[in-house]
PDB file of all heavy atoms in Angstrom:
ATOM      1  N   LYS A   1       0.856  -1.221   0.001  1.00  0.00           N
ATOM      2  CA  LYS A   1      -0.002  -0.021  -0.019  1.00  0.00           C
ATOM      3  C   LYS A   1       0.887   1.236   0.047  1.00  0.00           C
ATOM      4  O   LYS A   1       1.788   1.334   0.850  1.00  0.00           O
ATOM      5  CB  LYS A   1      -0.906  -0.017   1.266  1.00  0.00           C
ATOM      6  CG  LYS A   1      -1.882   1.189   1.322  1.00  0.00           C
ATOM      7  CD  LYS A   1      -2.808   1.092   2.403  1.00  0.00           C
ATOM      8  CE  LYS A   1      -3.757   2.235   2.525  1.00  0.00           C
ATOM      9  NZ  LYS A   1      -4.564   2.208   3.727  1.00  0.00           N
ATOM     10  N   GLU A   2       0.619   2.087  -0.941  1.00  0.00           N
ATOM     11  CA  GLU A   2       1.458   3.349  -1.095  1.00  0.00           C
ATOM     12  C   GLU A   2       1.147   4.293   0.053  1.00  0.00           C
ATOM     13  O   GLU A   2       0.185   4.137   0.843  1.00  0.00           O
ATOM     14  CB  GLU A   2       1.100   4.010  -2.458  1.00  0.00           C
ATOM     15  CG  GLU A   2       1.541   3.135  -3.591  1.00  0.00           C
ATOM     16  CD  GLU A   2       1.171   3.718  -4.982  1.00  0.00           C
ATOM     17  OE1 GLU A   2       0.852   4.918  -5.082  1.00  0.00           O
ATOM     18  OE2 GLU A   2       1.272   2.907  -5.929  1.00  0.00           O
ATOM     19  N   GLY A   3       1.936   5.374   0.147  1.00  0.00           N
ATOM     20  CA  GLY A   3       1.980   6.326   1.277  1.00  0.00           C
ATOM     21  C   GLY A   3       0.592   6.796   1.691  1.00  0.00           C
ATOM     22  O   GLY A   3      -0.241   7.154   0.896  1.00  0.00           O
ATOM     23  N   TYR A   4       0.417   6.815   2.991  1.00  0.00           N
ATOM     24  CA  TYR A   4      -0.774   7.346   3.679  1.00  0.00           C
ATOM     25  C   TYR A   4      -0.359   8.028   4.966  1.00  0.00           C
ATOM     26  O   TYR A   4       0.773   7.780   5.411  1.00  0.00           O
ATOM     27  CB  TYR A   4      -1.827   6.226   3.862  1.00  0.00           C
ATOM     28  CG  TYR A   4      -1.396   5.088   4.655  1.00  0.00           C
ATOM     29  CD1 TYR A   4      -1.544   5.038   6.065  1.00  0.00           C
ATOM     30  CD2 TYR A   4      -0.769   4.011   4.017  1.00  0.00           C
ATOM     31  CE1 TYR A   4      -1.127   3.938   6.805  1.00  0.00           C
ATOM     32  CE2 TYR A   4      -0.340   2.913   4.814  1.00  0.00           C
ATOM     33  CZ  TYR A   4      -0.523   2.899   6.131  1.00  0.00           C
ATOM     34  OH  TYR A   4      -0.114   1.824   6.892  1.00  0.00           O
ATOM     35  N   ALA A   5      -1.198   8.751   5.552  1.00  0.00           N
ATOM     36  CA  ALA A   5      -0.877   9.485   6.807  1.00  0.00           C
ATOM     37  C   ALA A   5      -0.491   8.476   7.845  1.00  0.00           C
ATOM     38  O   ALA A   5      -1.165   7.475   8.133  1.00  0.00           O
ATOM     39  CB  ALA A   5      -2.076  10.246   7.296  1.00  0.00           C
ATOM     40  N   ASP A   6       0.673   8.703   8.462  1.00  0.00           N
ATOM     41  CA  ASP A   6       1.245   7.814   9.480  1.00  0.00           C
ATOM     42  C   ASP A   6       0.337   7.901  10.775  1.00  0.00           C
ATOM     43  O   ASP A   6       0.226   8.991  11.386  1.00  0.00           O
ATOM     44  CB  ASP A   6       2.659   8.221   9.869  1.00  0.00           C
ATOM     45  CG  ASP A   6       3.312   7.289  10.838  1.00  0.00           C
ATOM     46  OD1 ASP A   6       2.670   6.572  11.596  1.00  0.00           O
ATOM     47  OD2 ASP A   6       4.569   7.275  10.854  1.00  0.00           O
ATOM     48  N   PRO A   7      -0.319   6.816  11.161  1.00  0.00           N
ATOM     49  CA  PRO A   7      -1.261   6.852  12.306  1.00  0.00           C
ATOM     50  C   PRO A   7      -0.489   7.034  13.616  1.00  0.00           C
ATOM     51  O   PRO A   7      -1.146   7.331  14.624  1.00  0.00           O
ATOM     52  CB  PRO A   7      -1.903   5.469  12.259  1.00  0.00           C
ATOM     53  CG  PRO A   7      -0.981   4.586  11.478  1.00  0.00           C
ATOM     54  CD  PRO A   7      -0.324   5.511  10.487  1.00  0.00           C
ATOM     55  N   THR A   8       0.848   6.894  13.659  1.00  0.00           N
ATOM     56  CA  THR A   8       1.570   7.056  14.873  1.00  0.00           C
ATOM     57  C   THR A   8       2.009   8.547  15.102  1.00  0.00           C
ATOM     58  O   THR A   8       2.543   8.879  16.199  1.00  0.00           O
ATOM     59  CB  THR A   8       2.844   6.199  14.965  1.00  0.00           C
ATOM     60  OG1 THR A   8       3.778   6.609  13.963  1.00  0.00           O
ATOM     61  CG2 THR A   8       2.461   4.720  14.743  1.00  0.00           C
ATOM     62  N   ALA A   9       1.795   9.327  14.102  1.00  0.00           N
ATOM     63  CA  ALA A   9       2.211  10.785  14.225  1.00  0.00           C
ATOM     64  C   ALA A   9       1.146  11.604  14.931  1.00  0.00           C
ATOM     65  O   ALA A   9      -0.029  11.569  14.552  1.00  0.00           O
ATOM     66  CB  ALA A   9       2.477  11.327  12.816  1.00  0.00           C
ATOM     67  N   THR A  10       1.586  12.312  15.945  1.00  0.00           N
ATOM     68  CA  THR A  10       0.650  13.209  16.643  1.00  0.00           C
ATOM     69  C   THR A  10       0.653  14.638  16.082  1.00  0.00           C
ATOM     70  O   THR A  10      -0.268  15.418  16.373  1.00  0.00           O
ATOM     71  CB  THR A  10       1.035  13.253  18.136  1.00  0.00           C
ATOM     72  OG1 THR A  10       2.361  13.648  18.286  1.00  0.00           O
ATOM     73  CG2 THR A  10       0.837  11.908  18.791  1.00  0.00           C
ATOM     74  N   GLU A  11       1.628  14.943  15.261  1.00  0.00           N
ATOM     75  CA  GLU A  11       1.721  16.192  14.554  1.00  0.00           C
ATOM     76  C   GLU A  11       2.626  16.087  13.374  1.00  0.00           C
ATOM     77  O   GLU A  11       3.402  15.197  13.254  1.00  0.00           O
ATOM     78  CB  GLU A  11       2.205  17.296  15.512  1.00  0.00           C
ATOM     79  CG  GLU A  11       3.646  17.087  16.028  1.00  0.00           C
ATOM     80  CD  GLU A  11       4.048  18.151  17.021  1.00  0.00           C
ATOM     81  OE1 GLU A  11       3.548  19.265  16.981  1.00  0.00           O
ATOM     82  OE2 GLU A  11       5.013  17.891  17.776  1.00  0.00           O
ATOM     83  N   GLY A  12       2.463  16.988  12.434  1.00  0.00           N
ATOM     84  CA  GLY A  12       3.276  16.970  11.241  1.00  0.00           C
ATOM     85  C   GLY A  12       2.691  16.154  10.179  1.00  0.00           C
ATOM     86  O   GLY A  12       1.651  15.539  10.304  1.00  0.00           O
ATOM     87  N   ASP A  13       3.336  16.191   8.994  1.00  0.00           N
ATOM     88  CA  ASP A  13       2.928  15.604   7.785  1.00  0.00           C
ATOM     89  C   ASP A  13       3.774  14.285   7.509  1.00  0.00           C
ATOM     90  O   ASP A  13       4.573  14.329   6.617  1.00  0.00           O
ATOM     91  CB  ASP A  13       3.025  16.611   6.618  1.00  0.00           C
ATOM     92  CG  ASP A  13       2.512  16.027   5.319  1.00  0.00           C
ATOM     93  OD1 ASP A  13       1.677  15.167   5.328  1.00  0.00           O
ATOM     94  OD2 ASP A  13       3.000  16.576   4.266  1.00  0.00           O
ATOM     95  N   TRP A  14       3.554  13.297   8.334  1.00  0.00           N
ATOM     96  CA  TRP A  14       4.397  12.076   8.218  1.00  0.00           C
ATOM     97  C   TRP A  14       3.646  10.963   7.461  1.00  0.00           C
ATOM     98  O   TRP A  14       2.398  10.960   7.420  1.00  0.00           O
ATOM     99  CB  TRP A  14       4.841  11.653   9.614  1.00  0.00           C
ATOM    100  CG  TRP A  14       5.673  12.687  10.286  1.00  0.00           C
ATOM    101  CD1 TRP A  14       5.242  13.509  11.297  1.00  0.00           C
ATOM    102  CD2 TRP A  14       6.964  13.138   9.871  1.00  0.00           C
ATOM    103  NE1 TRP A  14       6.233  14.409  11.531  1.00  0.00           N
ATOM    104  CE2 TRP A  14       7.322  14.211  10.709  1.00  0.00           C
ATOM    105  CE3 TRP A  14       7.899  12.732   8.898  1.00  0.00           C
ATOM    106  CZ2 TRP A  14       8.572  14.886  10.633  1.00  0.00           C
ATOM    107  CZ3 TRP A  14       9.148  13.418   8.833  1.00  0.00           C
ATOM    108  CH2 TRP A  14       9.430  14.474   9.686  1.00  0.00           C
ATOM    109  N   VAL A  15       4.393  10.076   6.832  1.00  0.00           N
ATOM    110  CA  VAL A  15       3.838   9.076   5.964  1.00  0.00           C
ATOM    111  C   VAL A  15       4.198   7.691   6.424  1.00  0.00           C
ATOM    112  O   VAL A  15       5.289   7.452   6.992  1.00  0.00           O
ATOM    113  CB  VAL A  15       4.370   9.308   4.519  1.00  0.00           C
ATOM    114  CG1 VAL A  15       3.957   8.250   3.508  1.00  0.00           C
ATOM    115  CG2 VAL A  15       4.017  10.681   4.053  1.00  0.00           C
ATOM    116  N   ALA A  16       3.336   6.712   6.109  1.00  0.00           N
ATOM    117  CA  ALA A  16       3.572   5.319   6.305  1.00  0.00           C
ATOM    118  C   ALA A  16       3.275   4.593   5.012  1.00  0.00           C
ATOM    119  O   ALA A  16       2.532   5.133   4.147  1.00  0.00           O
ATOM    120  CB  ALA A  16       2.701   4.744   7.413  1.00  0.00           C
ATOM    121  N   VAL A  17       3.794   3.419   4.833  1.00  0.00           N
ATOM    122  CA  VAL A  17       3.468   2.506   3.707  1.00  0.00           C
ATOM    123  C   VAL A  17       3.298   1.115   4.334  1.00  0.00           C
ATOM    124  O   VAL A  17       3.733   0.819   5.414  1.00  0.00           O
ATOM    125  CB  VAL A  17       4.560   2.460   2.622  1.00  0.00           C
ATOM    126  CG1 VAL A  17       4.779   3.775   1.975  1.00  0.00           C
ATOM    127  CG2 VAL A  17       5.826   1.877   3.175  1.00  0.00           C
ATOM    128  N   ASP A  18       2.554   0.279   3.630  1.00  0.00           N
ATOM    129  CA  ASP A  18       2.418  -1.145   4.030  1.00  0.00           C
ATOM    130  C   ASP A  18       3.371  -1.978   3.263  1.00  0.00           C
ATOM    131  O   ASP A  18       3.406  -1.853   1.999  1.00  0.00           O
ATOM    132  CB  ASP A  18       0.959  -1.670   3.901  1.00  0.00           C
ATOM    133  CG  ASP A  18      -0.001  -1.015   4.857  1.00  0.00           C
ATOM    134  OD1 ASP A  18       0.438  -0.346   5.806  1.00  0.00           O
ATOM    135  OD2 ASP A  18      -1.235  -1.220   4.699  1.00  0.00           O
ATOM    136  N   LEU A  19       4.056  -2.874   3.915  1.00  0.00           N
ATOM    137  CA  LEU A  19       5.040  -3.809   3.272  1.00  0.00           C
ATOM    138  C   LEU A  19       4.601  -5.170   3.575  1.00  0.00           C
ATOM    139  O   LEU A  19       4.047  -5.455   4.593  1.00  0.00           O
ATOM    140  CB  LEU A  19       6.448  -3.525   3.843  1.00  0.00           C
ATOM    141  CG  LEU A  19       7.064  -2.148   3.697  1.00  0.00           C
ATOM    142  CD1 LEU A  19       8.412  -2.094   4.328  1.00  0.00           C
ATOM    143  CD2 LEU A  19       7.136  -1.762   2.197  1.00  0.00           C
ATOM    144  N   VAL A  20       4.854  -6.069   2.606  1.00  0.00           N
ATOM    145  CA  VAL A  20       4.719  -7.514   2.799  1.00  0.00           C
ATOM    146  C   VAL A  20       6.045  -8.190   2.505  1.00  0.00           C
ATOM    147  O   VAL A  20       6.762  -7.862   1.561  1.00  0.00           O
ATOM    148  CB  VAL A  20       3.604  -8.080   1.904  1.00  0.00           C
ATOM    149  CG1 VAL A  20       2.281  -7.581   2.309  1.00  0.00           C
ATOM    150  CG2 VAL A  20       3.851  -7.859   0.437  1.00  0.00           C
ATOM    151  N   PRO A  21       6.358  -9.259   3.293  1.00  0.00           N
ATOM    152  CA  PRO A  21       7.649 -10.006   3.033  1.00  0.00           C
ATOM    153  C   PRO A  21       7.485 -10.808   1.742  1.00  0.00           C
ATOM    154  O   PRO A  21       6.382 -11.374   1.471  1.00  0.00           O
ATOM    155  CB  PRO A  21       7.787 -10.847   4.277  1.00  0.00           C
ATOM    156  CG  PRO A  21       6.429 -11.012   4.807  1.00  0.00           C
ATOM    157  CD  PRO A  21       5.668  -9.791   4.407  1.00  0.00           C
ATOM    158  N   VAL A  22       8.601 -10.932   1.034  1.00  0.00           N
ATOM    159  CA  VAL A  22       8.561 -11.795  -0.221  1.00  0.00           C
ATOM    160  C   VAL A  22       9.388 -12.994   0.081  1.00  0.00           C
ATOM    161  O   VAL A  22       8.907 -14.144  -0.098  1.00  0.00           O
ATOM    162  CB  VAL A  22       9.115 -11.029  -1.401  1.00  0.00           C
ATOM    163  CG1 VAL A  22       9.270 -11.941  -2.633  1.00  0.00           C
ATOM    164  CG2 VAL A  22       8.220  -9.847  -1.774  1.00  0.00           C
ATOM    165  N   LYS A  23      10.585 -12.840   0.540  1.00  0.00           N
ATOM    166  CA  LYS A  23      11.460 -13.967   0.837  1.00  0.00           C
ATOM    167  C   LYS A  23      12.661 -13.573   1.685  1.00  0.00           C
ATOM    168  O   LYS A  23      13.190 -12.430   1.555  1.00  0.00           O
ATOM    169  CB  LYS A  23      11.888 -14.770  -0.376  1.00  0.00           C
ATOM    170  CG  LYS A  23      12.731 -13.966  -1.337  1.00  0.00           C
ATOM    171  CD  LYS A  23      13.293 -14.830  -2.465  1.00  0.00           C
ATOM    172  CE  LYS A  23      12.256 -15.310  -3.373  1.00  0.00           C
ATOM    173  NZ  LYS A  23      12.713 -15.990  -4.581  1.00  0.00           N
ATOM    174  N   THR A  24      13.190 -14.522   2.431  1.00  0.00           N
ATOM    175  CA  THR A  24      14.425 -14.392   3.155  1.00  0.00           C
ATOM    176  C   THR A  24      15.563 -14.506   2.138  1.00  0.00           C
ATOM    177  O   THR A  24      15.450 -15.427   1.289  1.00  0.00           O
ATOM    178  CB  THR A  24      14.557 -15.433   4.243  1.00  0.00           C
ATOM    179  OG1 THR A  24      13.415 -15.229   5.125  1.00  0.00           O
ATOM    180  CG2 THR A  24      15.858 -15.302   5.009  1.00  0.00           C
ATOM    181  N   LEU A  25      16.566 -13.693   2.230  1.00  0.00           N
ATOM    182  CA  LEU A  25      17.636 -13.813   1.273  1.00  0.00           C
ATOM    183  C   LEU A  25      18.421 -15.114   1.550  1.00  0.00           C
ATOM    184  O   LEU A  25      18.579 -15.578   2.664  1.00  0.00           O
ATOM    185  CB  LEU A  25      18.629 -12.614   1.456  1.00  0.00           C
ATOM    186  CG  LEU A  25      18.067 -11.282   1.155  1.00  0.00           C
ATOM    187  CD1 LEU A  25      19.156 -10.229   1.284  1.00  0.00           C
ATOM    188  CD2 LEU A  25      17.427 -11.174  -0.222  1.00  0.00           C
ATOM    189  N   GLY A  26      18.927 -15.730   0.443  1.00  0.00           N
ATOM    190  CA  GLY A  26      19.642 -16.961   0.529  1.00  0.00           C
ATOM    191  C   GLY A  26      20.908 -16.805   1.388  1.00  0.00           C
ATOM    192  O   GLY A  26      21.300 -17.717   2.086  1.00  0.00           O
ATOM    193  N   LYS A  27      21.506 -15.696   1.299  1.00  0.00           N
ATOM    194  CA  LYS A  27      22.731 -15.362   2.062  1.00  0.00           C
ATOM    195  C   LYS A  27      22.684 -13.858   2.433  1.00  0.00           C
ATOM    196  O   LYS A  27      22.594 -13.006   1.507  1.00  0.00           O
ATOM    197  CB  LYS A  27      23.899 -15.600   1.091  1.00  0.00           C
ATOM    198  CG  LYS A  27      25.204 -15.292   1.663  1.00  0.00           C
ATOM    199  CD  LYS A  27      26.360 -15.609   0.647  1.00  0.00           C
ATOM    200  CE  LYS A  27      27.670 -15.018   0.997  1.00  0.00           C
ATOM    201  NZ  LYS A  27      28.639 -15.217  -0.017  1.00  0.00           N
ATOM    202  N   PRO A  28      22.736 -13.508   3.672  1.00  0.00           N
ATOM    203  CA  PRO A  28      22.695 -12.077   4.064  1.00  0.00           C
ATOM    204  C   PRO A  28      23.888 -11.357   3.474  1.00  0.00           C
ATOM    205  O   PRO A  28      24.957 -11.980   3.313  1.00  0.00           O
ATOM    206  CB  PRO A  28      22.808 -12.100   5.625  1.00  0.00           C
ATOM    207  CG  PRO A  28      22.304 -13.452   6.024  1.00  0.00           C
ATOM    208  CD  PRO A  28      22.740 -14.348   4.887  1.00  0.00           C
TER     209      PRO A  28
END
């Protein structure tokens, strides 16, 4: 999900996005 108002922000114009995991890297 693309940028939306960060629900943890009490003031200011801050942004959040939703991320989903795809895969663990084979080798860090």
